[in-house]
């Protein structure tokens, strides 16, 4: 990848990362509200919540974050390659 391509790619990568984090957080909140509408997502420091509930919430959140990051990174790489005719690897 050329220096110009790297300079163009970095701001795109940062913006996509921030947007992905916000999107993943929103998706997790929506899912948690549908599973447990009377309650907000558990805070790991809240000792009144069960350990099982906290771990399940963390696992679901991790899966969502990983999936959103992969989808966005893949789309970003394909779009960038289509625009610049350069491979990111």
PDB file of N, CA and C in Angstrom:
ATOM      1  N   UNK A   1       0.847  -1.163   0.000  1.00  0.00           N
ATOM      2  CA  UNK A   1       0.000   0.000   0.000  1.00  0.00           C
ATOM      3  C   UNK A   1       0.898   1.233   0.000  1.00  0.00           C
ATOM      4  N   UNK A   2       0.585   2.170  -0.828  1.00  0.00           N
ATOM      5  CA  UNK A   2       1.400   3.378  -0.946  1.00  0.00           C
ATOM      6  C   UNK A   2       1.161   4.313   0.243  1.00  0.00           C
ATOM      7  N   UNK A   3       2.058   5.265   0.406  1.00  0.00           N
ATOM      8  CA  UNK A   3       1.953   6.227   1.503  1.00  0.00           C
ATOM      9  C   UNK A   3       0.692   7.079   1.376  1.00  0.00           C
ATOM     10  N   UNK A   4       0.329   7.418   0.166  1.00  0.00           N
ATOM     11  CA  UNK A   4      -0.887   8.212  -0.061  1.00  0.00           C
ATOM     12  C   UNK A   4      -2.121   7.403   0.341  1.00  0.00           C
ATOM     13  N   UNK A   5      -2.137   6.137  -0.021  1.00  0.00           N
ATOM     14  CA  UNK A   5      -3.265   5.281   0.335  1.00  0.00           C
ATOM     15  C   UNK A   5      -3.375   5.119   1.844  1.00  0.00           C
ATOM     16  N   UNK A   6      -2.236   4.954   2.510  1.00  0.00           N
ATOM     17  CA  UNK A   6      -2.247   4.843   3.969  1.00  0.00           C
ATOM     18  C   UNK A   6      -2.776   6.119   4.606  1.00  0.00           C
ATOM     19  N   UNK A   7      -2.378   7.264   4.068  1.00  0.00           N
ATOM     20  CA  UNK A   7      -2.837   8.540   4.605  1.00  0.00           C
ATOM     21  C   UNK A   7      -4.341   8.716   4.395  1.00  0.00           C
ATOM     22  N   UNK A   8      -4.871   8.214   3.309  1.00  0.00           N
ATOM     23  CA  UNK A   8      -6.316   8.292   3.057  1.00  0.00           C
ATOM     24  C   UNK A   8      -7.080   7.282   3.907  1.00  0.00           C
ATOM     25  N   UNK A   9      -6.478   6.135   4.152  1.00  0.00           N
ATOM     26  CA  UNK A   9      -7.164   5.048   4.838  1.00  0.00           C
ATOM     27  C   UNK A   9      -7.286   5.287   6.344  1.00  0.00           C
ATOM     28  N   UNK A  10      -6.302   5.918   6.954  1.00  0.00           N
ATOM     29  CA  UNK A  10      -6.281   6.068   8.408  1.00  0.00           C
ATOM     30  C   UNK A  10      -7.488   6.846   8.949  1.00  0.00           C
ATOM     31  N   UNK A  11      -7.835   8.017   8.420  1.00  0.00           N
ATOM     32  CA  UNK A  11      -9.027   8.706   8.939  1.00  0.00           C
ATOM     33  C   UNK A  11     -10.318   7.901   8.730  1.00  0.00           C
ATOM     34  N   UNK A  12     -10.396   7.205   7.608  1.00  0.00           N
ATOM     35  CA  UNK A  12     -11.550   6.358   7.349  1.00  0.00           C
ATOM     36  C   UNK A  12     -11.644   5.245   8.387  1.00  0.00           C
ATOM     37  N   UNK A  13     -10.508   4.665   8.715  1.00  0.00           N
ATOM     38  CA  UNK A  13     -10.462   3.588   9.690  1.00  0.00           C
ATOM     39  C   UNK A  13     -10.876   4.083  11.073  1.00  0.00           C
ATOM     40  N   UNK A  14     -10.415   5.248  11.469  1.00  0.00           N
ATOM     41  CA  UNK A  14     -10.765   5.813  12.776  1.00  0.00           C
ATOM     42  C   UNK A  14     -12.259   6.119  12.840  1.00  0.00           C
ATOM     43  N   UNK A  15     -12.779   6.748  11.804  1.00  0.00           N
ATOM     44  CA  UNK A  15     -14.202   7.084  11.775  1.00  0.00           C
ATOM     45  C   UNK A  15     -15.072   5.825  11.807  1.00  0.00           C
ATOM     46  N   UNK A  16     -14.673   4.818  11.070  1.00  0.00           N
ATOM     47  CA  UNK A  16     -15.427   3.568  11.048  1.00  0.00           C
ATOM     48  C   UNK A  16     -15.381   2.881  12.405  1.00  0.00           C
ATOM     49  N   UNK A  17     -14.250   2.948  13.070  1.00  0.00           N
ATOM     50  CA  UNK A  17     -14.110   2.338  14.386  1.00  0.00           C
ATOM     51  C   UNK A  17     -15.034   3.006  15.413  1.00  0.00           C
ATOM     52  N   UNK A  18     -15.061   4.317  15.407  1.00  0.00           N
ATOM     53  CA  UNK A  18     -15.928   5.053  16.343  1.00  0.00           C
ATOM     54  C   UNK A  18     -17.398   4.752  16.035  1.00  0.00           C
ATOM     55  N   UNK A  19     -17.764   4.819  14.763  1.00  0.00           N
ATOM     56  CA  UNK A  19     -19.145   4.547  14.367  1.00  0.00           C
ATOM     57  C   UNK A  19     -19.536   3.106  14.710  1.00  0.00           C
ATOM     58  N   UNK A  20     -18.616   2.185  14.538  1.00  0.00           N
ATOM     59  CA  UNK A  20     -18.884   0.786  14.866  1.00  0.00           C
ATOM     60  C   UNK A  20     -19.119   0.572  16.348  1.00  0.00           C
ATOM     61  N   UNK A  21     -18.343   1.247  17.177  1.00  0.00           N
ATOM     62  CA  UNK A  21     -18.545   1.140  18.620  1.00  0.00           C
ATOM     63  C   UNK A  21     -19.901   1.676  19.043  1.00  0.00           C
ATOM     64  N   UNK A  22     -20.288   2.805  18.471  1.00  0.00           N
ATOM     65  CA  UNK A  22     -21.598   3.382  18.782  1.00  0.00           C
ATOM     66  C   UNK A  22     -22.732   2.473  18.294  1.00  0.00           C
ATOM     67  N   UNK A  23     -22.575   1.940  17.091  1.00  0.00           N
ATOM     68  CA  UNK A  23     -23.581   1.049  16.530  1.00  0.00           C
ATOM     69  C   UNK A  23     -23.710  -0.232  17.360  1.00  0.00           C
ATOM     70  N   UNK A  24     -22.594  -0.817  17.731  1.00  0.00           N
ATOM     71  CA  UNK A  24     -22.612  -2.048  18.521  1.00  0.00           C
ATOM     72  C   UNK A  24     -23.268  -1.801  19.880  1.00  0.00           C
ATOM     73  N   UNK A  25     -22.968  -0.674  20.507  1.00  0.00           N
ATOM     74  CA  UNK A  25     -23.594  -0.346  21.789  1.00  0.00           C
ATOM     75  C   UNK A  25     -25.098  -0.202  21.662  1.00  0.00           C
ATOM     76  N   UNK A  26     -25.529   0.425  20.595  1.00  0.00           N
ATOM     77  CA  UNK A  26     -26.973   0.609  20.373  1.00  0.00           C
ATOM     78  C   UNK A  26     -27.662  -0.726  20.106  1.00  0.00           C
ATOM     79  N   UNK A  27     -27.024  -1.577  19.320  1.00  0.00           N
ATOM     80  CA  UNK A  27     -27.594  -2.900  19.029  1.00  0.00           C
ATOM     81  C   UNK A  27     -27.713  -3.710  20.316  1.00  0.00           C
ATOM     82  N   UNK A  28     -26.662  -3.690  21.146  1.00  0.00           N
ATOM     83  CA  UNK A  28     -26.700  -4.435  22.400  1.00  0.00           C
ATOM     84  C   UNK A  28     -27.819  -3.920  23.300  1.00  0.00           C
ATOM     85  N   UNK A  29     -27.967  -2.604  23.408  1.00  0.00           N
ATOM     86  CA  UNK A  29     -29.018  -2.027  24.253  1.00  0.00           C
ATOM     87  C   UNK A  29     -30.395  -2.459  23.759  1.00  0.00           C
ATOM     88  N   UNK A  30     -30.601  -2.436  22.447  1.00  0.00           N
ATOM     89  CA  UNK A  30     -31.884  -2.861  21.884  1.00  0.00           C
ATOM     90  C   UNK A  30     -32.163  -4.338  22.192  1.00  0.00           C
ATOM     91  N   UNK A  31     -31.167  -5.173  22.014  1.00  0.00           N
ATOM     92  CA  UNK A  31     -31.348  -6.602  22.291  1.00  0.00           C
ATOM     93  C   UNK A  31     -31.639  -6.822  23.766  1.00  0.00           C
ATOM     94  N   UNK A  32     -30.883  -6.150  24.631  1.00  0.00           N
ATOM     95  CA  UNK A  32     -31.090  -6.332  26.074  1.00  0.00           C
ATOM     96  C   UNK A  32     -32.483  -5.860  26.483  1.00  0.00           C
ATOM     97  N   UNK A  33     -32.956  -4.765  25.905  1.00  0.00           N
ATOM     98  CA  UNK A  33     -34.289  -4.263  26.230  1.00  0.00           C
ATOM     99  C   UNK A  33     -35.377  -5.235  25.774  1.00  0.00           C
ATOM    100  N   UNK A  34     -35.157  -5.931  24.687  1.00  0.00           N
ATOM    101  CA  UNK A  34     -36.149  -6.906  24.222  1.00  0.00           C
ATOM    102  C   UNK A  34     -36.145  -8.161  25.076  1.00  0.00           C
ATOM    103  N   UNK A  35     -34.968  -8.561  25.553  1.00  0.00           N
ATOM    104  CA  UNK A  35     -34.862  -9.745  26.403  1.00  0.00           C
ATOM    105  C   UNK A  35     -35.402  -9.456  27.800  1.00  0.00           C
ATOM    106  N   UNK A  36     -35.084  -8.280  28.324  1.00  0.00           N
ATOM    107  CA  UNK A  36     -35.459  -7.923  29.684  1.00  0.00           C
ATOM    108  C   UNK A  36     -35.968  -6.473  29.693  1.00  0.00           C
ATOM    109  N   UNK A  37     -37.213  -6.247  29.280  1.00  0.00           N
ATOM    110  CA  UNK A  37     -37.697  -4.877  29.081  1.00  0.00           C
ATOM    111  C   UNK A  37     -37.783  -4.031  30.355  1.00  0.00           C
ATOM    112  N   UNK A  38     -37.857  -4.652  31.494  1.00  0.00           N
ATOM    113  CA  UNK A  38     -38.006  -3.907  32.746  1.00  0.00           C
ATOM    114  C   UNK A  38     -36.682  -3.480  33.349  1.00  0.00           C
ATOM    115  N   UNK A  39     -35.594  -3.842  32.731  1.00  0.00           N
ATOM    116  CA  UNK A  39     -34.295  -3.645  33.359  1.00  0.00           C
ATOM    117  C   UNK A  39     -33.278  -3.125  32.345  1.00  0.00           C
ATOM    118  N   UNK A  40     -32.288  -2.392  32.829  1.00  0.00           N
ATOM    119  CA  UNK A  40     -31.191  -1.963  31.966  1.00  0.00           C
ATOM    120  C   UNK A  40     -30.073  -2.989  32.038  1.00  0.00           C
ATOM    121  N   UNK A  41     -29.126  -2.884  31.110  1.00  0.00           N
ATOM    122  CA  UNK A  41     -28.053  -3.874  31.076  1.00  0.00           C
ATOM    123  C   UNK A  41     -27.256  -3.841  32.380  1.00  0.00           C
ATOM    124  N   UNK A  42     -26.797  -5.012  32.827  1.00  0.00           N
ATOM    125  CA  UNK A  42     -26.122  -5.081  34.125  1.00  0.00           C
ATOM    126  C   UNK A  42     -24.723  -4.481  34.100  1.00  0.00           C
ATOM    127  N   UNK A  43     -24.400  -3.809  35.187  1.00  0.00           N
ATOM    128  CA  UNK A  43     -23.063  -3.260  35.391  1.00  0.00           C
ATOM    129  C   UNK A  43     -22.260  -4.310  36.160  1.00  0.00           C
ATOM    130  N   UNK A  44     -21.077  -4.670  35.685  1.00  0.00           N
ATOM    131  CA  UNK A  44     -20.287  -5.696  36.383  1.00  0.00           C
ATOM    132  C   UNK A  44     -19.958  -5.339  37.834  1.00  0.00           C
ATOM    133  N   UNK A  45     -19.976  -4.053  38.168  1.00  0.00           N
ATOM    134  CA  UNK A  45     -19.660  -3.646  39.547  1.00  0.00           C
ATOM    135  C   UNK A  45     -20.879  -3.665  40.459  1.00  0.00           C
ATOM    136  N   UNK A  46     -22.060  -3.871  39.889  1.00  0.00           N
ATOM    137  CA  UNK A  46     -23.299  -3.921  40.672  1.00  0.00           C
ATOM    138  C   UNK A  46     -23.434  -5.309  41.285  1.00  0.00           C
ATOM    139  N   UNK A  47     -23.140  -5.424  42.567  1.00  0.00           N
ATOM    140  CA  UNK A  47     -23.129  -6.730  43.221  1.00  0.00           C
ATOM    141  C   UNK A  47     -24.519  -7.279  43.503  1.00  0.00           C
ATOM    142  N   UNK A  48     -25.560  -6.473  43.265  1.00  0.00           N
ATOM    143  CA  UNK A  48     -26.918  -6.983  43.432  1.00  0.00           C
ATOM    144  C   UNK A  48     -27.343  -7.829  42.233  1.00  0.00           C
ATOM    145  N   UNK A  49     -26.613  -7.741  41.125  1.00  0.00           N
ATOM    146  CA  UNK A  49     -26.898  -8.552  39.935  1.00  0.00           C
ATOM    147  C   UNK A  49     -26.168  -9.883  40.049  1.00  0.00           C
ATOM    148  N   UNK A  50     -26.751 -10.922  39.482  1.00  0.00           N
ATOM    149  CA  UNK A  50     -26.105 -12.234  39.554  1.00  0.00           C
ATOM    150  C   UNK A  50     -24.880 -12.271  38.636  1.00  0.00           C
ATOM    151  N   UNK A  51     -23.924 -13.061  39.023  1.00  0.00           N
ATOM    152  CA  UNK A  51     -22.712 -13.229  38.226  1.00  0.00           C
ATOM    153  C   UNK A  51     -23.067 -13.806  36.858  1.00  0.00           C
ATOM    154  N   UNK A  52     -23.988 -14.741  36.856  1.00  0.00           N
ATOM    155  CA  UNK A  52     -24.416 -15.357  35.598  1.00  0.00           C
ATOM    156  C   UNK A  52     -24.970 -14.302  34.635  1.00  0.00           C
ATOM    157  N   UNK A  53     -25.830 -13.421  35.137  1.00  0.00           N
ATOM    158  CA  UNK A  53     -26.431 -12.386  34.299  1.00  0.00           C
ATOM    159  C   UNK A  53     -25.369 -11.435  33.737  1.00  0.00           C
ATOM    160  N   UNK A  54     -24.416 -11.057  34.578  1.00  0.00           N
ATOM    161  CA  UNK A  54     -23.346 -10.159  34.143  1.00  0.00           C
ATOM    162  C   UNK A  54     -22.489 -10.831  33.075  1.00  0.00           C
ATOM    163  N   UNK A  55     -22.153 -12.095  33.268  1.00  0.00           N
ATOM    164  CA  UNK A  55     -21.322 -12.806  32.294  1.00  0.00           C
ATOM    165  C   UNK A  55     -22.056 -13.020  30.970  1.00  0.00           C
ATOM    166  N   UNK A  56     -23.335 -13.335  31.037  1.00  0.00           N
ATOM    167  CA  UNK A  56     -24.113 -13.510  29.810  1.00  0.00           C
ATOM    168  C   UNK A  56     -24.184 -12.192  29.041  1.00  0.00           C
ATOM    169  N   UNK A  57     -24.434 -11.105  29.748  1.00  0.00           N
ATOM    170  CA  UNK A  57     -24.495  -9.793  29.098  1.00  0.00           C
ATOM    171  C   UNK A  57     -23.151  -9.443  28.458  1.00  0.00           C
ATOM    172  N   UNK A  58     -22.061  -9.717  29.168  1.00  0.00           N
ATOM    173  CA  UNK A  58     -20.733  -9.421  28.625  1.00  0.00           C
ATOM    174  C   UNK A  58     -20.432 -10.275  27.392  1.00  0.00           C
ATOM    175  N   UNK A  59     -20.828 -11.526  27.423  1.00  0.00           N
ATOM    176  CA  UNK A  59     -20.589 -12.408  26.281  1.00  0.00           C
ATOM    177  C   UNK A  59     -21.398 -11.959  25.062  1.00  0.00           C
ATOM    178  N   UNK A  60     -22.654 -11.618  25.274  1.00  0.00           N
ATOM    179  CA  UNK A  60     -23.498 -11.149  24.167  1.00  0.00           C
ATOM    180  C   UNK A  60     -22.933  -9.848  23.599  1.00  0.00           C
ATOM    181  N   UNK A  61     -22.528  -8.951  24.487  1.00  0.00           N
ATOM    182  CA  UNK A  61     -21.963  -7.677  24.036  1.00  0.00           C
ATOM    183  C   UNK A  61     -20.676  -7.908  23.242  1.00  0.00           C
ATOM    184  N   UNK A  62     -19.838  -8.837  23.691  1.00  0.00           N
ATOM    185  CA  UNK A  62     -18.598  -9.147  22.976  1.00  0.00           C
ATOM    186  C   UNK A  62     -18.849  -9.710  21.593  1.00  0.00           C
ATOM    187  N   UNK A  63     -19.836 -10.580  21.473  1.00  0.00           N
ATOM    188  CA  UNK A  63     -20.185 -11.147  20.163  1.00  0.00           C
ATOM    189  C   UNK A  63     -20.675 -10.048  19.229  1.00  0.00           C
ATOM    190  N   UNK A  64     -21.519  -9.170  19.741  1.00  0.00           N
ATOM    191  CA  UNK A  64     -22.061  -8.087  18.908  1.00  0.00           C
ATOM    192  C   UNK A  64     -20.945  -7.148  18.460  1.00  0.00           C
ATOM    193  N   UNK A  65     -20.073  -6.766  19.378  1.00  0.00           N
ATOM    194  CA  UNK A  65     -18.964  -5.860  19.031  1.00  0.00           C
ATOM    195  C   UNK A  65     -18.058  -6.510  17.987  1.00  0.00           C
ATOM    196  N   UNK A  66     -17.721  -7.769  18.192  1.00  0.00           N
ATOM    197  CA  UNK A  66     -16.861  -8.472  17.237  1.00  0.00           C
ATOM    198  C   UNK A  66     -17.491  -8.583  15.861  1.00  0.00           C
ATOM    199  N   UNK A  67     -18.772  -8.889  15.831  1.00  0.00           N
ATOM    200  CA  UNK A  67     -19.469  -9.019  14.554  1.00  0.00           C
ATOM    201  C   UNK A  67     -19.568  -7.671  13.837  1.00  0.00           C
ATOM    202  N   UNK A  68     -19.923  -6.633  14.552  1.00  0.00           N
ATOM    203  CA  UNK A  68     -20.039  -5.303  13.940  1.00  0.00           C
ATOM    204  C   UNK A  68     -18.675  -4.840  13.420  1.00  0.00           C
ATOM    205  N   UNK A  69     -17.624  -5.045  14.212  1.00  0.00           N
ATOM    206  CA  UNK A  69     -16.279  -4.645  13.773  1.00  0.00           C
ATOM    207  C   UNK A  69     -15.869  -5.388  12.509  1.00  0.00           C
ATOM    208  N   UNK A  70     -16.158  -6.696  12.458  1.00  0.00           N
ATOM    209  CA  UNK A  70     -15.789  -7.489  11.289  1.00  0.00           C
ATOM    210  C   UNK A  70     -16.563  -7.051  10.053  1.00  0.00           C
ATOM    211  N   UNK A  71     -17.847  -6.808  10.208  1.00  0.00           N
ATOM    212  CA  UNK A  71     -18.673  -6.381   9.071  1.00  0.00           C
ATOM    213  C   UNK A  71     -18.184  -5.034   8.547  1.00  0.00           C
ATOM    214  N   UNK A  72     -17.959  -4.092   9.443  1.00  0.00           N
ATOM    215  CA  UNK A  72     -17.513  -2.766   9.010  1.00  0.00           C
ATOM    216  C   UNK A  72     -16.111  -2.794   8.410  1.00  0.00           C
ATOM    217  N   UNK A  73     -15.197  -3.542   9.013  1.00  0.00           N
ATOM    218  CA  UNK A  73     -13.831  -3.619   8.492  1.00  0.00           C
ATOM    219  C   UNK A  73     -13.811  -4.279   7.114  1.00  0.00           C
ATOM    220  N   UNK A  74     -14.620  -5.303   6.954  1.00  0.00           N
ATOM    221  CA  UNK A  74     -14.677  -5.993   5.661  1.00  0.00           C
ATOM    222  C   UNK A  74     -15.250  -5.078   4.576  1.00  0.00           C
ATOM    223  N   UNK A  75     -16.339  -4.402   4.903  1.00  0.00           N
ATOM    224  CA  UNK A  75     -16.937  -3.476   3.946  1.00  0.00           C
ATOM    225  C   UNK A  75     -16.018  -2.321   3.614  1.00  0.00           C
ATOM    226  N   UNK A  76     -15.336  -1.822   4.620  1.00  0.00           N
ATOM    227  CA  UNK A  76     -14.392  -0.719   4.424  1.00  0.00           C
ATOM    228  C   UNK A  76     -13.240  -1.158   3.525  1.00  0.00           C
ATOM    229  N   UNK A  77     -12.697  -2.329   3.774  1.00  0.00           N
ATOM    230  CA  UNK A  77     -11.588  -2.825   2.961  1.00  0.00           C
ATOM    231  C   UNK A  77     -12.017  -3.053   1.510  1.00  0.00           C
ATOM    232  N   UNK A  78     -13.196  -3.638   1.328  1.00  0.00           N
ATOM    233  CA  UNK A  78     -13.680  -3.873  -0.036  1.00  0.00           C
ATOM    234  C   UNK A  78     -13.958  -2.555  -0.754  1.00  0.00           C
ATOM    235  N   UNK A  79     -14.570  -1.616  -0.050  1.00  0.00           N
ATOM    236  CA  UNK A  79     -14.851  -0.317  -0.658  1.00  0.00           C
ATOM    237  C   UNK A  79     -13.588   0.440  -1.008  1.00  0.00           C
ATOM    238  N   UNK A  80     -12.612   0.430  -0.107  1.00  0.00           N
ATOM    239  CA  UNK A  80     -11.350   1.112  -0.352  1.00  0.00           C
ATOM    240  C   UNK A  80     -10.613   0.476  -1.524  1.00  0.00           C
ATOM    241  N   UNK A  81     -10.611  -0.857  -1.572  1.00  0.00           N
ATOM    242  CA  UNK A  81      -9.946  -1.548  -2.685  1.00  0.00           C
ATOM    243  C   UNK A  81     -10.642  -1.236  -4.011  1.00  0.00           C
ATOM    244  N   UNK A  82     -11.958  -1.129  -3.995  1.00  0.00           N
ATOM    245  CA  UNK A  82     -12.687  -0.816  -5.224  1.00  0.00           C
ATOM    246  C   UNK A  82     -12.380   0.598  -5.708  1.00  0.00           C
ATOM    247  N   UNK A  83     -12.215   1.521  -4.770  1.00  0.00           N
ATOM    248  CA  UNK A  83     -11.948   2.909  -5.137  1.00  0.00           C
ATOM    249  C   UNK A  83     -10.501   3.147  -5.586  1.00  0.00           C
ATOM    250  N   UNK A  84      -9.560   2.453  -4.949  1.00  0.00           N
ATOM    251  CA  UNK A  84      -8.154   2.727  -5.199  1.00  0.00           C
ATOM    252  C   UNK A  84      -7.434   1.651  -5.997  1.00  0.00           C
ATOM    253  N   UNK A  85      -8.068   0.534  -6.217  1.00  0.00           N
ATOM    254  CA  UNK A  85      -7.437  -0.624  -6.877  1.00  0.00           C
ATOM    255  C   UNK A  85      -6.179  -1.082  -6.147  1.00  0.00           C
ATOM    256  N   UNK A  86      -6.178  -0.939  -4.812  1.00  0.00           N
ATOM    257  CA  UNK A  86      -5.049  -1.406  -3.997  1.00  0.00           C
ATOM    258  C   UNK A  86      -5.559  -2.369  -2.942  1.00  0.00           C
ATOM    259  N   UNK A  87      -4.760  -3.406  -2.695  1.00  0.00           N
ATOM    260  CA  UNK A  87      -5.062  -4.379  -1.656  1.00  0.00           C
ATOM    261  C   UNK A  87      -4.511  -3.851  -0.336  1.00  0.00           C
ATOM    262  N   UNK A  88      -5.258  -4.045   0.758  1.00  0.00           N
ATOM    263  CA  UNK A  88      -4.819  -3.520   2.059  1.00  0.00           C
ATOM    264  C   UNK A  88      -3.803  -4.410   2.759  1.00  0.00           C
ATOM    265  N   UNK A  89      -3.601  -5.611   2.296  1.00  0.00           N
ATOM    266  CA  UNK A  89      -2.678  -6.497   2.996  1.00  0.00           C
ATOM    267  C   UNK A  89      -1.247  -6.288   2.667  1.00  0.00           C
TER     268      UNK A  89
END
